[in-house]
């Protein structure tokens, strides 16, 4: 099992999860974070820290798309080990639906 970041992180990027991760398995894209599945030790400390509920176990139904996205982009985005400030307008995106289709950026 591993944990993955889903679309709720897009445009929010609050990073409370980064502060508590004991193995620094978060990677930062332009407008979201991902978890590198091969580095995640399945401790679960990040999941309750996310204020927008964007971190889920890979055993949850329908999470396959996000496992693939986390794996793919953790290979190309830079590792992040310290919390940064969120985008100034992050609260207006907190409950928005379909953020992946609207806002996802590969940051390549």
PDB file of N, CA and C in Angstrom:
ATOM      1  N   UNK A   1       0.839  -1.189   0.000  1.00  0.00           N
ATOM      2  CA  UNK A   1       0.000   0.000   0.000  1.00  0.00           C
ATOM      3  C   UNK A   1       0.881   1.249   0.000  1.00  0.00           C
ATOM      4  N   UNK A   2       0.357   2.296  -0.585  1.00  0.00           N
ATOM      5  CA  UNK A   2       1.000   3.608  -0.568  1.00  0.00           C
ATOM      6  C   UNK A   2      -0.100   4.653  -0.491  1.00  0.00           C
ATOM      7  N   UNK A   3       0.287   5.861  -0.350  1.00  0.00           N
ATOM      8  CA  UNK A   3      -0.661   6.976  -0.361  1.00  0.00           C
ATOM      9  C   UNK A   3      -0.443   7.775  -1.621  1.00  0.00           C
ATOM     10  N   UNK A   4      -1.505   8.419  -2.104  1.00  0.00           N
ATOM     11  CA  UNK A   4      -1.422   9.239  -3.308  1.00  0.00           C
ATOM     12  C   UNK A   4      -2.150  10.554  -3.070  1.00  0.00           C
ATOM     13  N   UNK A   5      -1.757  11.542  -3.861  1.00  0.00           N
ATOM     14  CA  UNK A   5      -2.409  12.847  -3.822  1.00  0.00           C
ATOM     15  C   UNK A   5      -3.389  12.894  -4.987  1.00  0.00           C
ATOM     16  N   UNK A   6      -4.603  13.375  -4.732  1.00  0.00           N
ATOM     17  CA  UNK A   6      -5.600  13.448  -5.802  1.00  0.00           C
ATOM     18  C   UNK A   6      -5.855  14.902  -6.210  1.00  0.00           C
ATOM     19  N   UNK A   7      -6.863  15.115  -7.036  1.00  0.00           N
ATOM     20  CA  UNK A   7      -7.094  16.431  -7.626  1.00  0.00           C
ATOM     21  C   UNK A   7      -7.486  17.517  -6.636  1.00  0.00           C
ATOM     22  N   UNK A   8      -7.857  17.146  -5.418  1.00  0.00           N
ATOM     23  CA  UNK A   8      -8.211  18.166  -4.437  1.00  0.00           C
ATOM     24  C   UNK A   8      -7.023  19.067  -4.106  1.00  0.00           C
ATOM     25  N   UNK A   9      -5.827  18.595  -4.362  1.00  0.00           N
ATOM     26  CA  UNK A   9      -4.613  19.380  -4.104  1.00  0.00           C
ATOM     27  C   UNK A   9      -4.403  20.469  -5.160  1.00  0.00           C
ATOM     28  N   UNK A  10      -4.912  20.255  -6.359  1.00  0.00           N
ATOM     29  CA  UNK A  10      -4.680  21.187  -7.461  1.00  0.00           C
ATOM     30  C   UNK A  10      -5.187  22.579  -7.089  1.00  0.00           C
ATOM     31  N   UNK A  11      -4.314  23.560  -7.249  1.00  0.00           N
ATOM     32  CA  UNK A  11      -4.569  24.976  -6.958  1.00  0.00           C
ATOM     33  C   UNK A  11      -4.688  25.271  -5.459  1.00  0.00           C
ATOM     34  N   UNK A  12      -4.551  24.262  -4.598  1.00  0.00           N
ATOM     35  CA  UNK A  12      -4.571  24.501  -3.145  1.00  0.00           C
ATOM     36  C   UNK A  12      -3.157  24.387  -2.577  1.00  0.00           C
ATOM     37  N   UNK A  13      -2.527  23.245  -2.788  1.00  0.00           N
ATOM     38  CA  UNK A  13      -1.116  23.029  -2.433  1.00  0.00           C
ATOM     39  C   UNK A  13      -0.760  23.577  -1.051  1.00  0.00           C
ATOM     40  N   UNK A  14      -1.440  23.076  -0.030  1.00  0.00           N
ATOM     41  CA  UNK A  14      -1.263  23.606   1.320  1.00  0.00           C
ATOM     42  C   UNK A  14       0.002  23.107   2.028  1.00  0.00           C
ATOM     43  N   UNK A  15       0.498  21.972   1.704  1.00  0.00           N
ATOM     44  CA  UNK A  15       1.795  21.437   2.142  1.00  0.00           C
ATOM     45  C   UNK A  15       1.934  21.081   3.613  1.00  0.00           C
ATOM     46  N   UNK A  16       0.853  20.982   4.348  1.00  0.00           N
ATOM     47  CA  UNK A  16       0.952  20.506   5.728  1.00  0.00           C
ATOM     48  C   UNK A  16       1.528  19.084   5.740  1.00  0.00           C
ATOM     49  N   UNK A  17       1.240  18.331   4.701  1.00  0.00           N
ATOM     50  CA  UNK A  17       1.701  16.959   4.560  1.00  0.00           C
ATOM     51  C   UNK A  17       3.223  16.875   4.460  1.00  0.00           C
ATOM     52  N   UNK A  18       3.824  17.839   3.801  1.00  0.00           N
ATOM     53  CA  UNK A  18       5.273  17.847   3.604  1.00  0.00           C
ATOM     54  C   UNK A  18       5.989  17.942   4.951  1.00  0.00           C
ATOM     55  N   UNK A  19       5.451  18.738   5.851  1.00  0.00           N
ATOM     56  CA  UNK A  19       6.054  18.924   7.174  1.00  0.00           C
ATOM     57  C   UNK A  19       6.140  17.636   7.990  1.00  0.00           C
ATOM     58  N   UNK A  20       5.183  16.745   7.828  1.00  0.00           N
ATOM     59  CA  UNK A  20       5.132  15.551   8.675  1.00  0.00           C
ATOM     60  C   UNK A  20       5.706  14.296   8.031  1.00  0.00           C
ATOM     61  N   UNK A  21       6.011  14.331   6.746  1.00  0.00           N
ATOM     62  CA  UNK A  21       6.502  13.138   6.051  1.00  0.00           C
ATOM     63  C   UNK A  21       7.910  12.771   6.537  1.00  0.00           C
ATOM     64  N   UNK A  22       8.074  11.568   7.103  1.00  0.00           N
ATOM     65  CA  UNK A  22       9.389  11.189   7.624  1.00  0.00           C
ATOM     66  C   UNK A  22      10.395  10.782   6.554  1.00  0.00           C
ATOM     67  N   UNK A  23       9.928  10.557   5.316  1.00  0.00           N
ATOM     68  CA  UNK A  23      10.848  10.106   4.269  1.00  0.00           C
ATOM     69  C   UNK A  23      10.928  11.057   3.072  1.00  0.00           C
ATOM     70  N   UNK A  24      10.318  12.219   3.175  1.00  0.00           N
ATOM     71  CA  UNK A  24      10.388  13.223   2.103  1.00  0.00           C
ATOM     72  C   UNK A  24      10.017  12.647   0.736  1.00  0.00           C
ATOM     73  N   UNK A  25       8.832  12.043   0.648  1.00  0.00           N
ATOM     74  CA  UNK A  25       8.424  11.421  -0.618  1.00  0.00           C
ATOM     75  C   UNK A  25       7.453  12.288  -1.420  1.00  0.00           C
ATOM     76  N   UNK A  26       7.376  13.586  -1.108  1.00  0.00           N
ATOM     77  CA  UNK A  26       6.526  14.502  -1.862  1.00  0.00           C
ATOM     78  C   UNK A  26       7.326  15.208  -2.940  1.00  0.00           C
ATOM     79  N   UNK A  27       6.660  15.425  -4.076  1.00  0.00           N
ATOM     80  CA  UNK A  27       7.272  16.100  -5.218  1.00  0.00           C
ATOM     81  C   UNK A  27       6.338  17.213  -5.651  1.00  0.00           C
ATOM     82  N   UNK A  28       6.929  18.331  -6.073  1.00  0.00           N
ATOM     83  CA  UNK A  28       6.144  19.535  -6.318  1.00  0.00           C
ATOM     84  C   UNK A  28       6.058  19.896  -7.788  1.00  0.00           C
ATOM     85  N   UNK A  29       4.819  19.992  -8.258  1.00  0.00           N
ATOM     86  CA  UNK A  29       4.550  20.501  -9.586  1.00  0.00           C
ATOM     87  C   UNK A  29       4.090  21.945  -9.500  1.00  0.00           C
ATOM     88  N   UNK A  30       3.745  22.497 -10.623  1.00  0.00           N
ATOM     89  CA  UNK A  30       3.342  23.897 -10.677  1.00  0.00           C
ATOM     90  C   UNK A  30       2.148  24.204  -9.776  1.00  0.00           C
ATOM     91  N   UNK A  31       1.148  23.319  -9.758  1.00  0.00           N
ATOM     92  CA  UNK A  31      -0.022  23.631  -8.943  1.00  0.00           C
ATOM     93  C   UNK A  31      -0.553  22.468  -8.112  1.00  0.00           C
ATOM     94  N   UNK A  32       0.284  21.454  -7.879  1.00  0.00           N
ATOM     95  CA  UNK A  32      -0.093  20.367  -6.968  1.00  0.00           C
ATOM     96  C   UNK A  32       1.146  19.612  -6.528  1.00  0.00           C
ATOM     97  N   UNK A  33       0.964  18.755  -5.548  1.00  0.00           N
ATOM     98  CA  UNK A  33       2.011  17.856  -5.083  1.00  0.00           C
ATOM     99  C   UNK A  33       1.640  16.433  -5.467  1.00  0.00           C
ATOM    100  N   UNK A  34       2.644  15.556  -5.527  1.00  0.00           N
ATOM    101  CA  UNK A  34       2.412  14.119  -5.695  1.00  0.00           C
ATOM    102  C   UNK A  34       3.319  13.378  -4.721  1.00  0.00           C
ATOM    103  N   UNK A  35       2.998  12.127  -4.485  1.00  0.00           N
ATOM    104  CA  UNK A  35       3.794  11.244  -3.638  1.00  0.00           C
ATOM    105  C   UNK A  35       4.455  10.200  -4.525  1.00  0.00           C
ATOM    106  N   UNK A  36       5.733   9.956  -4.289  1.00  0.00           N
ATOM    107  CA  UNK A  36       6.426   8.903  -5.038  1.00  0.00           C
ATOM    108  C   UNK A  36       6.106   7.564  -4.366  1.00  0.00           C
ATOM    109  N   UNK A  37       5.336   6.719  -5.038  1.00  0.00           N
ATOM    110  CA  UNK A  37       4.878   5.471  -4.413  1.00  0.00           C
ATOM    111  C   UNK A  37       6.016   4.574  -3.927  1.00  0.00           C
ATOM    112  N   UNK A  38       7.131   4.540  -4.652  1.00  0.00           N
ATOM    113  CA  UNK A  38       8.247   3.674  -4.266  1.00  0.00           C
ATOM    114  C   UNK A  38       8.979   4.173  -3.027  1.00  0.00           C
ATOM    115  N   UNK A  39       8.783   5.428  -2.660  1.00  0.00           N
ATOM    116  CA  UNK A  39       9.441   5.985  -1.481  1.00  0.00           C
ATOM    117  C   UNK A  39       8.518   6.041  -0.259  1.00  0.00           C
ATOM    118  N   UNK A  40       7.231   6.052  -0.494  1.00  0.00           N
ATOM    119  CA  UNK A  40       6.258   6.126   0.596  1.00  0.00           C
ATOM    120  C   UNK A  40       6.360   4.864   1.456  1.00  0.00           C
ATOM    121  N   UNK A  41       6.440   5.059   2.771  1.00  0.00           N
ATOM    122  CA  UNK A  41       6.564   3.915   3.677  1.00  0.00           C
ATOM    123  C   UNK A  41       5.213   3.538   4.305  1.00  0.00           C
ATOM    124  N   UNK A  42       4.152   4.106   3.787  1.00  0.00           N
ATOM    125  CA  UNK A  42       2.788   3.763   4.210  1.00  0.00           C
ATOM    126  C   UNK A  42       2.507   4.061   5.677  1.00  0.00           C
ATOM    127  N   UNK A  43       3.161   5.074   6.203  1.00  0.00           N
ATOM    128  CA  UNK A  43       2.962   5.391   7.625  1.00  0.00           C
ATOM    129  C   UNK A  43       1.626   6.096   7.851  1.00  0.00           C
ATOM    130  N   UNK A  44       1.128   6.817   6.850  1.00  0.00           N
ATOM    131  CA  UNK A  44      -0.174   7.452   6.939  1.00  0.00           C
ATOM    132  C   UNK A  44      -0.232   8.758   7.703  1.00  0.00           C
ATOM    133  N   UNK A  45       0.901   9.281   8.151  1.00  0.00           N
ATOM    134  CA  UNK A  45       0.844  10.522   8.931  1.00  0.00           C
ATOM    135  C   UNK A  45       0.431  11.729   8.097  1.00  0.00           C
ATOM    136  N   UNK A  46       0.623  11.662   6.806  1.00  0.00           N
ATOM    137  CA  UNK A  46       0.275  12.787   5.936  1.00  0.00           C
ATOM    138  C   UNK A  46      -1.233  12.918   5.714  1.00  0.00           C
ATOM    139  N   UNK A  47      -1.930  11.800   5.671  1.00  0.00           N
ATOM    140  CA  UNK A  47      -3.354  11.812   5.314  1.00  0.00           C
ATOM    141  C   UNK A  47      -4.201  12.724   6.206  1.00  0.00           C
ATOM    142  N   UNK A  48      -4.125  12.623   7.522  1.00  0.00           N
ATOM    143  CA  UNK A  48      -4.963  13.499   8.347  1.00  0.00           C
ATOM    144  C   UNK A  48      -4.493  14.952   8.387  1.00  0.00           C
ATOM    145  N   UNK A  49      -3.276  15.215   7.932  1.00  0.00           N
ATOM    146  CA  UNK A  49      -2.744  16.581   7.948  1.00  0.00           C
ATOM    147  C   UNK A  49      -3.273  17.442   6.799  1.00  0.00           C
ATOM    148  N   UNK A  50      -3.795  16.805   5.758  1.00  0.00           N
ATOM    149  CA  UNK A  50      -4.254  17.553   4.587  1.00  0.00           C
ATOM    150  C   UNK A  50      -5.610  18.198   4.865  1.00  0.00           C
ATOM    151  N   UNK A  51      -5.662  19.538   4.886  1.00  0.00           N
ATOM    152  CA  UNK A  51      -6.911  20.235   5.191  1.00  0.00           C
ATOM    153  C   UNK A  51      -7.998  20.089   4.118  1.00  0.00           C
ATOM    154  N   UNK A  52      -7.603  19.677   2.902  1.00  0.00           N
ATOM    155  CA  UNK A  52      -8.591  19.536   1.831  1.00  0.00           C
ATOM    156  C   UNK A  52      -8.869  18.069   1.481  1.00  0.00           C
ATOM    157  N   UNK A  53      -8.344  17.139   2.291  1.00  0.00           N
ATOM    158  CA  UNK A  53      -8.602  15.712   2.113  1.00  0.00           C
ATOM    159  C   UNK A  53      -8.122  15.206   0.746  1.00  0.00           C
ATOM    160  N   UNK A  54      -6.933  15.635   0.345  1.00  0.00           N
ATOM    161  CA  UNK A  54      -6.400  15.281  -0.969  1.00  0.00           C
ATOM    162  C   UNK A  54      -5.492  14.056  -0.954  1.00  0.00           C
ATOM    163  N   UNK A  55      -5.254  13.466   0.198  1.00  0.00           N
ATOM    164  CA  UNK A  55      -4.363  12.312   0.290  1.00  0.00           C
ATOM    165  C   UNK A  55      -5.191  11.092   0.661  1.00  0.00           C
ATOM    166  N   UNK A  56      -5.038  10.048  -0.169  1.00  0.00           N
ATOM    167  CA  UNK A  56      -5.814   8.818   0.025  1.00  0.00           C
ATOM    168  C   UNK A  56      -4.905   7.600  -0.111  1.00  0.00           C
ATOM    169  N   UNK A  57      -5.305   6.514   0.530  1.00  0.00           N
ATOM    170  CA  UNK A  57      -4.601   5.243   0.376  1.00  0.00           C
ATOM    171  C   UNK A  57      -4.878   4.689  -1.021  1.00  0.00           C
ATOM    172  N   UNK A  58      -3.898   4.013  -1.587  1.00  0.00           N
ATOM    173  CA  UNK A  58      -4.079   3.474  -2.935  1.00  0.00           C
ATOM    174  C   UNK A  58      -5.037   2.292  -2.974  1.00  0.00           C
ATOM    175  N   UNK A  59      -5.551   1.892  -1.841  1.00  0.00           N
ATOM    176  CA  UNK A  59      -6.517   0.794  -1.791  1.00  0.00           C
ATOM    177  C   UNK A  59      -7.958   1.270  -1.939  1.00  0.00           C
ATOM    178  N   UNK A  60      -8.163   2.579  -1.957  1.00  0.00           N
ATOM    179  CA  UNK A  60      -9.522   3.112  -2.097  1.00  0.00           C
ATOM    180  C   UNK A  60     -10.029   2.908  -3.526  1.00  0.00           C
ATOM    181  N   UNK A  61     -11.315   2.651  -3.687  1.00  0.00           N
ATOM    182  CA  UNK A  61     -11.875   2.458  -5.026  1.00  0.00           C
ATOM    183  C   UNK A  61     -11.686   3.709  -5.893  1.00  0.00           C
ATOM    184  N   UNK A  62     -11.352   3.490  -7.165  1.00  0.00           N
ATOM    185  CA  UNK A  62     -11.235   4.586  -8.119  1.00  0.00           C
ATOM    186  C   UNK A  62      -9.954   5.387  -8.031  1.00  0.00           C
ATOM    187  N   UNK A  63      -8.978   4.918  -7.290  1.00  0.00           N
ATOM    188  CA  UNK A  63      -7.756   5.692  -7.075  1.00  0.00           C
ATOM    189  C   UNK A  63      -6.666   5.371  -8.112  1.00  0.00           C
ATOM    190  N   UNK A  64      -6.908   4.417  -8.998  1.00  0.00           N
ATOM    191  CA  UNK A  64      -5.894   3.959  -9.949  1.00  0.00           C
ATOM    192  C   UNK A  64      -5.331   5.094 -10.794  1.00  0.00           C
ATOM    193  N   UNK A  65      -6.196   5.986 -11.275  1.00  0.00           N
ATOM    194  CA  UNK A  65      -5.760   7.129 -12.089  1.00  0.00           C
ATOM    195  C   UNK A  65      -4.737   7.963 -11.315  1.00  0.00           C
ATOM    196  N   UNK A  66      -5.002   8.179 -10.030  1.00  0.00           N
ATOM    197  CA  UNK A  66      -4.130   9.027  -9.223  1.00  0.00           C
ATOM    198  C   UNK A  66      -2.832   8.337  -8.857  1.00  0.00           C
ATOM    199  N   UNK A  67      -2.859   7.029  -8.720  1.00  0.00           N
ATOM    200  CA  UNK A  67      -1.626   6.285  -8.482  1.00  0.00           C
ATOM    201  C   UNK A  67      -0.704   6.434  -9.687  1.00  0.00           C
ATOM    202  N   UNK A  68      -1.265   6.332 -10.875  1.00  0.00           N
ATOM    203  CA  UNK A  68      -0.478   6.493 -12.106  1.00  0.00           C
ATOM    204  C   UNK A  68       0.094   7.918 -12.211  1.00  0.00           C
ATOM    205  N   UNK A  69      -0.721   8.915 -11.932  1.00  0.00           N
ATOM    206  CA  UNK A  69      -0.277  10.312 -11.999  1.00  0.00           C
ATOM    207  C   UNK A  69       0.816  10.577 -10.970  1.00  0.00           C
ATOM    208  N   UNK A  70       0.638  10.086  -9.745  1.00  0.00           N
ATOM    209  CA  UNK A  70       1.649  10.284  -8.705  1.00  0.00           C
ATOM    210  C   UNK A  70       2.968   9.628  -9.105  1.00  0.00           C
ATOM    211  N   UNK A  71       2.886   8.410  -9.618  1.00  0.00           N
ATOM    212  CA  UNK A  71       4.100   7.703 -10.034  1.00  0.00           C
ATOM    213  C   UNK A  71       4.802   8.440 -11.173  1.00  0.00           C
ATOM    214  N   UNK A  72       4.053   8.814 -12.193  1.00  0.00           N
ATOM    215  CA  UNK A  72       4.635   9.461 -13.366  1.00  0.00           C
ATOM    216  C   UNK A  72       5.297  10.800 -13.020  1.00  0.00           C
ATOM    217  N   UNK A  73       4.593  11.651 -12.296  1.00  0.00           N
ATOM    218  CA  UNK A  73       5.116  12.993 -12.062  1.00  0.00           C
ATOM    219  C   UNK A  73       6.137  13.061 -10.935  1.00  0.00           C
ATOM    220  N   UNK A  74       6.141  12.092 -10.039  1.00  0.00           N
ATOM    221  CA  UNK A  74       7.189  12.071  -9.013  1.00  0.00           C
ATOM    222  C   UNK A  74       8.544  11.724  -9.628  1.00  0.00           C
ATOM    223  N   UNK A  75       8.521  11.183 -10.820  1.00  0.00           N
ATOM    224  CA  UNK A  75       9.771  10.878 -11.528  1.00  0.00           C
ATOM    225  C   UNK A  75      10.374  12.116 -12.203  1.00  0.00           C
ATOM    226  N   UNK A  76       9.573  13.148 -12.433  1.00  0.00           N
ATOM    227  CA  UNK A  76      10.093  14.304 -13.171  1.00  0.00           C
ATOM    228  C   UNK A  76      10.032  15.630 -12.401  1.00  0.00           C
ATOM    229  N   UNK A  77       9.169  15.710 -11.389  1.00  0.00           N
ATOM    230  CA  UNK A  77       9.088  16.942 -10.599  1.00  0.00           C
ATOM    231  C   UNK A  77      10.118  16.906  -9.486  1.00  0.00           C
ATOM    232  N   UNK A  78      10.537  18.066  -8.990  1.00  0.00           N
ATOM    233  CA  UNK A  78      11.537  18.096  -7.915  1.00  0.00           C
ATOM    234  C   UNK A  78      10.955  17.681  -6.558  1.00  0.00           C
ATOM    235  N   UNK A  79      11.807  17.056  -5.784  1.00  0.00           N
ATOM    236  CA  UNK A  79      11.437  16.660  -4.426  1.00  0.00           C
ATOM    237  C   UNK A  79      11.276  17.902  -3.559  1.00  0.00           C
ATOM    238  N   UNK A  80      10.353  17.834  -2.619  1.00  0.00           N
ATOM    239  CA  UNK A  80      10.147  18.938  -1.691  1.00  0.00           C
ATOM    240  C   UNK A  80      10.164  18.359  -0.272  1.00  0.00           C
ATOM    241  N   UNK A  81      10.914  19.006   0.615  1.00  0.00           N
ATOM    242  CA  UNK A  81      11.030  18.496   1.980  1.00  0.00           C
ATOM    243  C   UNK A  81      10.674  19.543   3.030  1.00  0.00           C
ATOM    244  N   UNK A  82      10.361  20.748   2.581  1.00  0.00           N
ATOM    245  CA  UNK A  82       9.964  21.801   3.510  1.00  0.00           C
ATOM    246  C   UNK A  82       8.698  22.477   3.019  1.00  0.00           C
ATOM    247  N   UNK A  83       7.834  22.773   3.967  1.00  0.00           N
ATOM    248  CA  UNK A  83       6.563  23.434   3.665  1.00  0.00           C
ATOM    249  C   UNK A  83       6.800  24.840   3.136  1.00  0.00           C
ATOM    250  N   UNK A  84       6.031  25.189   2.120  1.00  0.00           N
ATOM    251  CA  UNK A  84       6.049  26.544   1.560  1.00  0.00           C
ATOM    252  C   UNK A  84       4.663  27.148   1.746  1.00  0.00           C
ATOM    253  N   UNK A  85       4.549  28.430   1.501  1.00  0.00           N
ATOM    254  CA  UNK A  85       3.247  29.081   1.581  1.00  0.00           C
ATOM    255  C   UNK A  85       2.358  28.614   0.430  1.00  0.00           C
ATOM    256  N   UNK A  86       1.073  28.448   0.691  1.00  0.00           N
ATOM    257  CA  UNK A  86       0.155  28.050  -0.381  1.00  0.00           C
ATOM    258  C   UNK A  86      -0.117  29.225  -1.317  1.00  0.00           C
ATOM    259  N   UNK A  87      -0.697  28.958  -2.471  1.00  0.00           N
ATOM    260  CA  UNK A  87      -1.088  30.060  -3.359  1.00  0.00           C
ATOM    261  C   UNK A  87      -2.045  30.996  -2.620  1.00  0.00           C
ATOM    262  N   UNK A  88      -1.948  32.267  -2.886  1.00  0.00           N
ATOM    263  CA  UNK A  88      -2.756  33.250  -2.155  1.00  0.00           C
ATOM    264  C   UNK A  88      -4.259  33.062  -2.362  1.00  0.00           C
ATOM    265  N   UNK A  89      -4.649  32.494  -3.489  1.00  0.00           N
ATOM    266  CA  UNK A  89      -6.077  32.314  -3.778  1.00  0.00           C
ATOM    267  C   UNK A  89      -6.555  30.877  -3.550  1.00  0.00           C
ATOM    268  N   UNK A  90      -5.811  30.096  -2.786  1.00  0.00           N
ATOM    269  CA  UNK A  90      -6.115  28.672  -2.641  1.00  0.00           C
ATOM    270  C   UNK A  90      -7.508  28.386  -2.074  1.00  0.00           C
ATOM    271  N   UNK A  91      -8.030  29.219  -1.226  1.00  0.00           N
ATOM    272  CA  UNK A  91      -9.334  28.940  -0.618  1.00  0.00           C
ATOM    273  C   UNK A  91     -10.484  28.942  -1.626  1.00  0.00           C
ATOM    274  N   UNK A  92     -10.369  29.708  -2.681  1.00  0.00           N
ATOM    275  CA  UNK A  92     -11.470  29.743  -3.650  1.00  0.00           C
ATOM    276  C   UNK A  92     -11.549  28.457  -4.475  1.00  0.00           C
ATOM    277  N   UNK A  93     -10.494  27.648  -4.454  1.00  0.00           N
ATOM    278  CA  UNK A  93     -10.479  26.392  -5.204  1.00  0.00           C
ATOM    279  C   UNK A  93     -10.729  25.165  -4.326  1.00  0.00           C
ATOM    280  N   UNK A  94     -10.825  25.357  -3.022  1.00  0.00           N
ATOM    281  CA  UNK A  94     -10.896  24.269  -2.063  1.00  0.00           C
ATOM    282  C   UNK A  94     -11.955  23.221  -2.411  1.00  0.00           C
ATOM    283  N   UNK A  95     -13.164  23.630  -2.727  1.00  0.00           N
ATOM    284  CA  UNK A  95     -14.258  22.690  -2.966  1.00  0.00           C
ATOM    285  C   UNK A  95     -14.647  22.546  -4.437  1.00  0.00           C
ATOM    286  N   UNK A  96     -13.847  23.093  -5.314  1.00  0.00           N
ATOM    287  CA  UNK A  96     -14.172  23.019  -6.746  1.00  0.00           C
ATOM    288  C   UNK A  96     -14.027  21.588  -7.260  1.00  0.00           C
ATOM    289  N   UNK A  97     -14.883  21.197  -8.168  1.00  0.00           N
ATOM    290  CA  UNK A  97     -14.866  19.863  -8.782  1.00  0.00           C
ATOM    291  C   UNK A  97     -14.148  19.923 -10.132  1.00  0.00           C
ATOM    292  N   UNK A  98     -13.708  18.771 -10.613  1.00  0.00           N
ATOM    293  CA  UNK A  98     -13.066  18.621 -11.930  1.00  0.00           C
ATOM    294  C   UNK A  98     -11.848  19.525 -12.104  1.00  0.00           C
ATOM    295  N   UNK A  99     -11.059  19.671 -11.060  1.00  0.00           N
ATOM    296  CA  UNK A  99      -9.885  20.541 -11.139  1.00  0.00           C
ATOM    297  C   UNK A  99      -8.806  19.978 -12.056  1.00  0.00           C
ATOM    298  N   UNK A 100      -8.715  18.661 -12.170  1.00  0.00           N
ATOM    299  CA  UNK A 100      -7.698  18.079 -13.039  1.00  0.00           C
ATOM    300  C   UNK A 100      -7.895  18.537 -14.480  1.00  0.00           C
ATOM    301  N   UNK A 101      -9.108  18.412 -14.974  1.00  0.00           N
ATOM    302  CA  UNK A 101      -9.392  18.803 -16.350  1.00  0.00           C
ATOM    303  C   UNK A 101      -9.221  20.300 -16.577  1.00  0.00           C
ATOM    304  N   UNK A 102      -9.523  21.093 -15.573  1.00  0.00           N
ATOM    305  CA  UNK A 102      -9.470  22.546 -15.711  1.00  0.00           C
ATOM    306  C   UNK A 102      -8.086  23.144 -15.512  1.00  0.00           C
ATOM    307  N   UNK A 103      -7.332  22.619 -14.554  1.00  0.00           N
ATOM    308  CA  UNK A 103      -6.129  23.340 -14.113  1.00  0.00           C
ATOM    309  C   UNK A 103      -4.822  22.572 -14.074  1.00  0.00           C
ATOM    310  N   UNK A 104      -4.839  21.258 -14.233  1.00  0.00           N
ATOM    311  CA  UNK A 104      -3.604  20.505 -14.060  1.00  0.00           C
ATOM    312  C   UNK A 104      -2.519  20.995 -15.022  1.00  0.00           C
ATOM    313  N   UNK A 105      -1.322  21.154 -14.494  1.00  0.00           N
ATOM    314  CA  UNK A 105      -0.163  21.569 -15.299  1.00  0.00           C
ATOM    315  C   UNK A 105       0.939  20.533 -15.131  1.00  0.00           C
ATOM    316  N   UNK A 106       1.456  20.067 -16.245  1.00  0.00           N
ATOM    317  CA  UNK A 106       2.524  19.075 -16.181  1.00  0.00           C
ATOM    318  C   UNK A 106       3.816  19.664 -15.650  1.00  0.00           C
ATOM    319  N   UNK A 107       4.026  20.953 -15.856  1.00  0.00           N
ATOM    320  CA  UNK A 107       5.227  21.619 -15.365  1.00  0.00           C
ATOM    321  C   UNK A 107       6.483  21.047 -15.998  1.00  0.00           C
ATOM    322  N   UNK A 108       6.406  20.708 -17.252  1.00  0.00           N
ATOM    323  CA  UNK A 108       7.570  20.124 -17.953  1.00  0.00           C
ATOM    324  C   UNK A 108       8.384  21.207 -18.617  1.00  0.00           C
TER     325      UNK A 108
END
